[in-house]
Amino acid sequence: MGEQVVLSISAHVFQIDPVTKRSWKPLGTGNLPVSILRDAAKNTFRVVAKDGDNAVVNSAIGAKMAFTKTSPKFGQWQDPRASTVYGIGFSTEDSLKQFQTAFESALQAKPTPTPAPKRDTSGGGGGDGALSSASTMAPGSQASLSRGLSSTPSAKASGGDQTQVQELRYENERLKIALSTSSANAKEWVQELSTLKNNNARLKVALQESAANVNEWKEQLTAWKEESTRLKARNKELEAAAGNGHATNAELDAKTAECEELKARIAQLEGSNRSMAMQSQQANASVGRMERCQKDLQDWEQQFASKLREFTTLHSQFEDILKQSN
């Protein structure tokens, strides 16, 4: 009948380091497809994880095994047949619950018994001979067997202690990685805060320059308005003098030419005044935007500095916890 897929999921798979027995070694790269398969004929289960075509985990689930949840997203089980401990990490807590449920259901399932081989009754007394051999076991052998049986509970206890030690070591390794990552993030945030301060300083300089330019344009606009007013008055004087009729033709021609020059100059000044007024309005609007931008930048800088101080405090507490765990 073949095997049926009970659960198919993605996870990071690890194996305890066979040399140090203290740290986890990743099996494969990244998330791997992990399946729990059921042999319908035998009613047996196994965990299979593949990295491409290579099966990095092929662990038969037996009655004496147990799945231990060591963190909200990580668990492990000991495979006595492979003489190793496997670890499995998920991206969500729900994924871990699904795997744990399927694993524990497989532990509760009873394998289908295989038919017992026919006993060969020829030779007479084979069973009695076995009983006789057992009953006539040498005292030394019986003592050895007794010691082996009596040592089983302590071996289980030792195995439990070893599992707890492995869990603590795994958590310690995970904390070290998290601490290293947080240190790198803290350095990046300090650099970003420094960049933010530099940008704020440059914006202040630009704002001061813009304000100075606006004041200069206002002064020039005022001067041009005054000159335009003066030229208009002079033009009226010339027109009045030309209308008296006492001036000669040469004087009239000169005054007329001066009037034309004044009118042209007045028109030029009025055009400059309009252009300068428009530029002044735009400069005022730019200064207003820059002031708002500077205020926002200062607020961001203060918020960022506050968060960075909080992170630094947490980082120090994290280091203390890690030192205590060592």
Protein backbone atom coordinates (compact mmCIF):
# COMPACT_ATOMS: atom_id res chain seq x y z
CA MET A 1 0.00 0.00 0.00
CA GLY A 2 3.02 2.30 0.35
CA GLU A 3 3.34 5.34 2.60
CA GLN A 4 0.85 8.11 3.24
CA VAL A 5 1.74 11.74 3.96
CA VAL A 6 0.38 12.67 7.38
CA LEU A 7 1.94 16.15 7.48
CA SER A 8 3.93 18.23 5.01
CA ILE A 9 5.52 21.45 6.25
CA SER A 10 8.61 23.66 5.90
CA ALA A 11 11.15 24.15 8.68
CA HIS A 12 14.81 24.65 9.57
CA VAL A 13 16.30 21.30 10.58
CA PHE A 14 19.30 20.78 12.88
CA GLN A 15 21.34 17.94 14.32
CA ILE A 16 23.29 17.99 17.55
CA ASP A 17 27.02 18.25 16.92
CA PRO A 18 28.27 14.65 17.24
CA VAL A 19 31.68 15.83 18.46
CA THR A 20 30.91 18.52 21.05
CA LYS A 21 27.30 17.54 21.88
CA ARG A 22 26.83 21.20 22.75
CA SER A 23 25.73 23.06 19.63
CA TRP A 24 23.39 22.57 16.70
CA LYS A 25 24.52 21.94 13.16
CA PRO A 26 22.07 22.97 10.41
CA LEU A 27 21.07 20.23 7.98
CA GLY A 28 20.72 21.73 4.52
CA THR A 29 20.24 25.41 3.71
CA GLY A 30 17.22 27.44 4.71
CA ASN A 31 13.72 26.06 5.01
CA LEU A 32 13.45 22.41 4.02
CA PRO A 33 10.37 20.36 3.18
CA VAL A 34 9.62 18.13 6.18
CA SER A 35 7.10 15.29 6.10
CA ILE A 36 5.70 12.77 8.56
CA LEU A 37 4.96 9.57 6.62
CA ARG A 38 2.84 6.58 7.65
CA ASP A 39 3.37 3.03 6.45
CA ALA A 40 -0.23 1.86 6.12
CA ALA A 41 0.68 -1.84 6.18
CA LYS A 42 2.78 -1.69 9.33
CA ASN A 43 1.14 1.42 10.88
CA THR A 44 4.59 2.90 11.51
CA PHE A 45 5.69 6.51 11.10
CA ARG A 46 8.89 8.35 10.23
CA VAL A 47 10.08 11.94 9.85
CA VAL A 48 11.74 12.76 6.54
CA ALA A 49 13.43 16.07 5.63
CA LYS A 50 14.96 16.57 2.19
CA ASP A 51 17.50 19.03 0.88
CA GLY A 52 16.90 18.64 -2.83
CA ASP A 53 17.09 14.93 -3.56
CA ASN A 54 19.12 14.22 -0.42
CA ALA A 55 17.24 12.99 2.66
CA VAL A 56 19.03 14.75 5.53
CA VAL A 57 16.61 13.32 8.13
CA ASN A 58 15.07 9.84 8.04
CA SER A 59 13.97 9.22 11.61
CA ALA A 60 11.62 6.36 12.48
CA ILE A 61 9.21 7.34 15.27
CA GLY A 62 9.36 4.74 18.02
CA ALA A 63 7.42 4.18 21.23
CA LYS A 64 10.29 5.23 23.50
CA MET A 65 10.82 8.55 21.75
CA ALA A 66 9.43 11.95 22.83
CA PHE A 67 9.12 15.35 21.21
CA THR A 68 10.22 18.24 23.47
CA LYS A 69 9.18 21.84 22.83
CA THR A 70 12.09 24.02 23.97
CA SER A 71 10.77 27.40 22.77
CA PRO A 72 7.60 28.73 21.11
CA LYS A 73 9.00 27.94 17.64
CA PHE A 74 11.60 25.24 18.29
CA GLY A 75 11.50 21.61 19.38
CA GLN A 76 13.67 18.49 19.38
CA TRP A 77 13.56 14.72 19.65
CA GLN A 78 16.15 12.04 20.34
CA ASP A 79 16.54 9.25 17.81
CA PRO A 80 18.12 6.25 19.57
CA ARG A 81 18.49 4.33 16.33
CA ALA A 82 20.54 7.09 14.73
CA SER A 83 22.24 7.89 18.08
CA THR A 84 21.58 11.61 17.64
CA VAL A 85 19.24 14.44 18.56
CA TYR A 86 17.33 16.35 15.90
CA GLY A 87 16.13 19.93 16.27
CA ILE A 88 13.47 21.64 14.20
CA GLY A 89 12.59 25.34 14.03
CA PHE A 90 9.51 26.93 12.48
CA SER A 91 8.59 30.44 11.39
CA THR A 92 5.32 30.41 13.38
CA GLU A 93 4.07 28.85 16.60
CA ASP A 94 1.12 27.25 14.78
CA SER A 95 3.50 25.30 12.56
CA LEU A 96 5.26 23.90 15.63
CA LYS A 97 1.90 22.90 17.15
CA GLN A 98 0.93 21.05 13.94
CA PHE A 99 4.21 19.13 13.89
CA GLN A 100 4.06 18.32 17.60
CA THR A 101 0.47 17.08 17.31
CA ALA A 102 1.31 14.82 14.37
CA PHE A 103 4.47 13.53 16.10
CA GLU A 104 2.67 12.71 19.34
CA SER A 105 -0.19 11.05 17.43
CA ALA A 106 2.38 8.84 15.72
CA LEU A 107 3.82 7.93 19.13
CA GLN A 108 0.41 6.74 20.31
CA ALA A 109 -0.18 4.57 17.26
CA LYS A 110 0.50 0.87 17.72
CA PRO A 111 2.36 -0.93 14.94
CA THR A 112 0.56 -3.78 13.23
CA PRO A 113 2.00 -7.02 14.66
CA THR A 114 3.85 -9.19 12.19
CA PRO A 115 2.95 -12.92 12.02
CA ALA A 116 5.16 -14.99 14.33
CA PRO A 117 7.40 -17.51 12.51
CA LYS A 118 6.41 -21.14 12.83
CA ARG A 119 8.26 -22.95 15.60
CA ASP A 120 10.25 -25.95 14.62
CA THR A 121 9.12 -28.65 17.08
CA SER A 122 11.61 -31.11 15.75
CA GLY A 123 14.58 -31.78 17.93
CA GLY A 124 12.29 -32.00 21.02
CA GLY A 125 12.71 -29.85 24.09
CA GLY A 126 14.11 -26.78 22.27
CA GLY A 127 12.02 -24.54 24.53
CA ASP A 128 12.84 -26.51 27.60
CA GLY A 129 16.48 -26.33 26.67
CA ALA A 130 16.22 -22.54 26.49
CA LEU A 131 14.54 -22.43 29.87
CA SER A 132 17.16 -24.75 31.25
CA SER A 133 19.90 -22.51 29.86
CA ALA A 134 18.29 -19.47 31.44
CA SER A 135 17.81 -21.20 34.75
CA THR A 136 21.33 -22.50 34.80
CA MET A 137 22.88 -19.12 34.00
CA ALA A 138 26.13 -18.52 35.77
CA PRO A 139 25.91 -16.35 38.92
CA GLY A 140 28.28 -13.80 37.43
CA SER A 141 26.11 -13.45 34.35
CA GLN A 142 22.98 -13.07 36.48
CA ALA A 143 24.67 -10.33 38.51
CA SER A 144 25.73 -8.58 35.32
CA LEU A 145 22.19 -8.76 33.98
CA SER A 146 20.82 -7.46 37.29
CA ARG A 147 23.22 -4.54 37.22
CA GLY A 148 22.18 -3.76 33.65
CA LEU A 149 18.49 -3.77 34.55
CA SER A 150 18.98 -1.72 37.69
CA SER A 151 20.97 0.87 35.75
CA THR A 152 18.20 1.52 33.26
CA PRO A 153 16.30 4.18 35.32
CA SER A 154 19.47 6.12 36.03
CA ALA A 155 20.37 5.95 32.35
CA LYS A 156 16.98 7.42 31.52
CA ALA A 157 17.51 10.14 34.10
CA SER A 158 20.93 10.86 32.67
CA GLY A 159 19.41 11.07 29.23
CA GLY A 160 16.81 13.56 30.56
CA ASP A 161 19.53 15.68 32.14
CA GLN A 162 21.49 15.57 28.90
CA THR A 163 18.41 16.76 27.00
CA GLN A 164 17.99 19.69 29.39
CA VAL A 165 21.64 20.59 29.02
CA GLN A 166 21.30 20.47 25.26
CA GLU A 167 18.26 22.71 25.42
CA LEU A 168 20.12 25.23 27.57
CA ARG A 169 23.08 25.16 25.22
CA TYR A 170 20.84 25.69 22.24
CA GLU A 171 19.15 28.64 23.96
CA ASN A 172 22.59 29.99 24.85
CA GLU A 173 23.71 29.77 21.21
CA ARG A 174 20.48 31.44 20.11
CA LEU A 175 20.99 34.26 22.61
CA LYS A 176 24.54 34.77 21.39
CA ILE A 177 23.35 35.06 17.80
CA ALA A 178 20.58 37.48 18.82
CA LEU A 179 23.08 39.54 20.83
CA SER A 180 25.46 39.71 17.88
CA THR A 181 22.62 40.79 15.60
CA SER A 182 21.43 43.44 18.05
CA SER A 183 24.98 44.79 18.38
CA ALA A 184 25.22 45.17 14.62
CA ASN A 185 21.80 46.87 14.55
CA ALA A 186 22.85 49.22 17.35
CA LYS A 187 25.95 50.28 15.38
CA GLU A 188 23.83 50.93 12.29
CA TRP A 189 21.36 53.00 14.33
CA VAL A 190 24.14 55.05 15.90
CA GLN A 191 25.51 55.77 12.44
CA GLU A 192 22.03 56.66 11.18
CA LEU A 193 21.53 59.02 14.14
CA SER A 194 24.86 60.70 13.32
CA THR A 195 23.76 61.11 9.68
CA LEU A 196 20.46 62.56 10.86
CA LYS A 197 22.27 65.10 13.01
CA ASN A 198 24.55 66.10 10.11
CA ASN A 199 21.54 66.56 7.83
CA ASN A 200 19.88 68.67 10.49
CA ALA A 201 22.98 70.87 10.78
CA ARG A 202 23.16 71.34 7.00
CA LEU A 203 19.47 72.20 6.90
CA LYS A 204 20.00 74.87 9.57
CA VAL A 205 22.78 76.46 7.52
CA ALA A 206 20.64 76.39 4.37
CA LEU A 207 17.74 77.92 6.30
CA GLN A 208 19.93 80.74 7.59
CA GLU A 209 21.24 81.44 4.08
CA SER A 210 17.72 81.46 2.67
CA ALA A 211 16.55 83.86 5.37
CA ALA A 212 19.50 86.17 4.61
CA ASN A 213 18.68 86.08 0.88
CA VAL A 214 15.04 86.93 1.56
CA ASN A 215 16.05 89.93 3.66
CA GLU A 216 18.42 91.12 0.92
CA TRP A 217 15.69 90.78 -1.72
CA LYS A 218 13.28 92.74 0.46
CA GLU A 219 15.80 95.57 0.84
CA GLN A 220 16.47 95.65 -2.92
CA LEU A 221 12.71 95.62 -3.65
CA THR A 222 12.21 98.58 -1.32
CA ALA A 223 15.07 100.49 -3.00
CA TRP A 224 13.61 99.81 -6.47
CA LYS A 225 10.17 100.98 -5.36
CA GLU A 226 11.64 104.21 -4.03
CA GLU A 227 13.59 104.77 -7.25
CA SER A 228 10.47 104.09 -9.31
CA THR A 229 8.50 106.64 -7.28
CA ARG A 230 11.24 109.26 -7.70
CA LEU A 231 11.45 108.71 -11.46
CA LYS A 232 7.71 109.00 -11.85
CA ALA A 233 7.80 112.36 -10.05
CA ARG A 234 10.65 113.54 -12.27
CA ASN A 235 8.73 112.47 -15.37
CA LYS A 236 5.74 114.58 -14.29
CA GLU A 237 8.01 117.60 -13.76
CA LEU A 238 9.43 117.23 -17.28
CA GLU A 239 5.99 116.89 -18.83
CA ALA A 240 4.81 119.98 -16.97
CA ALA A 241 7.85 121.97 -18.08
CA ALA A 242 7.35 120.90 -21.70
CA GLY A 243 3.73 122.15 -21.58
CA ASN A 244 4.63 125.73 -20.52
CA GLY A 245 5.65 126.74 -24.07
CA HIS A 246 8.67 128.79 -22.93
CA ALA A 247 11.29 126.20 -23.77
CA THR A 248 13.14 126.09 -27.10
CA ASN A 249 12.87 123.24 -29.53
CA ALA A 250 16.25 121.85 -28.43
CA GLU A 251 15.21 121.93 -24.78
CA LEU A 252 11.90 120.29 -25.63
CA ASP A 253 13.68 117.56 -27.57
CA ALA A 254 16.07 116.92 -24.69
CA LYS A 255 13.27 116.81 -22.11
CA THR A 256 11.21 114.55 -24.35
CA ALA A 257 14.16 112.16 -24.70
CA GLU A 258 14.72 112.24 -20.93
CA CYS A 259 11.03 111.49 -20.38
CA GLU A 260 11.22 108.51 -22.70
CA GLU A 261 14.29 107.22 -20.86
CA LEU A 262 12.54 107.68 -17.53
CA LYS A 263 9.45 105.85 -18.77
CA ALA A 264 11.61 102.96 -19.99
CA ARG A 265 13.49 102.89 -16.68
CA ILE A 266 10.19 103.02 -14.74
CA ALA A 267 8.80 100.13 -16.81
CA GLN A 268 12.02 98.16 -16.17
CA LEU A 269 11.86 98.83 -12.43
CA GLU A 270 8.18 97.88 -12.25
CA GLY A 271 8.97 94.61 -14.04
CA SER A 272 11.87 94.00 -11.65
CA ASN A 273 9.62 94.85 -8.72
CA ARG A 274 7.00 92.30 -9.83
CA SER A 275 9.67 89.65 -10.40
CA MET A 276 11.31 90.42 -7.07
CA ALA A 277 7.96 90.31 -5.26
CA MET A 278 7.24 86.90 -6.78
CA GLN A 279 10.70 85.63 -5.84
CA SER A 280 10.22 87.00 -2.32
CA GLN A 281 6.91 85.16 -1.96
CA GLN A 282 8.49 81.93 -3.20
CA ALA A 283 11.44 82.42 -0.85
CA ASN A 284 9.08 82.99 2.08
CA ALA A 285 7.21 79.80 1.19
CA SER A 286 10.51 77.90 0.90
CA VAL A 287 11.65 79.23 4.26
CA GLY A 288 8.35 78.11 5.79
CA ARG A 289 8.72 74.63 4.34
CA MET A 290 12.32 74.43 5.51
CA GLU A 291 11.32 75.51 9.01
CA ARG A 292 8.63 72.81 9.14
CA CYS A 293 11.08 70.26 7.76
CA GLN A 294 13.65 71.26 10.36
CA LYS A 295 11.08 70.89 13.13
CA ASP A 296 10.10 67.43 11.85
CA LEU A 297 13.77 66.49 11.61
CA GLN A 298 14.39 67.60 15.18
CA ASP A 299 11.37 65.60 16.38
CA TRP A 300 12.64 62.50 14.54
CA GLU A 301 16.09 63.01 15.97
CA GLN A 302 14.72 63.19 19.52
CA GLN A 303 12.49 60.12 19.03
CA PHE A 304 15.32 58.18 17.45
CA ALA A 305 17.72 59.10 20.25
CA SER A 306 15.12 58.03 22.84
CA LYS A 307 14.58 54.65 21.14
CA LEU A 308 18.33 54.17 20.83
CA ARG A 309 18.76 54.77 24.57
CA GLU A 310 16.03 52.22 25.30
CA PHE A 311 17.70 49.73 22.97
CA THR A 312 21.08 50.31 24.63
CA THR A 313 19.52 49.59 28.03
CA LEU A 314 17.90 46.38 26.76
CA HIS A 315 21.17 45.41 25.11
CA SER A 316 23.01 45.76 28.43
CA GLN A 317 20.36 43.68 30.22
CA PHE A 318 20.63 41.09 27.46
CA GLU A 319 24.40 40.85 27.96
CA ASP A 320 23.92 40.42 31.71
CA ILE A 321 21.45 37.56 31.15
CA LEU A 322 23.84 35.90 28.73
CA LYS A 323 26.72 36.17 31.21
CA GLN A 324 24.58 34.64 33.96
CA SER A 325 23.55 31.76 31.67
CA ASN A 326 27.22 31.00 31.01
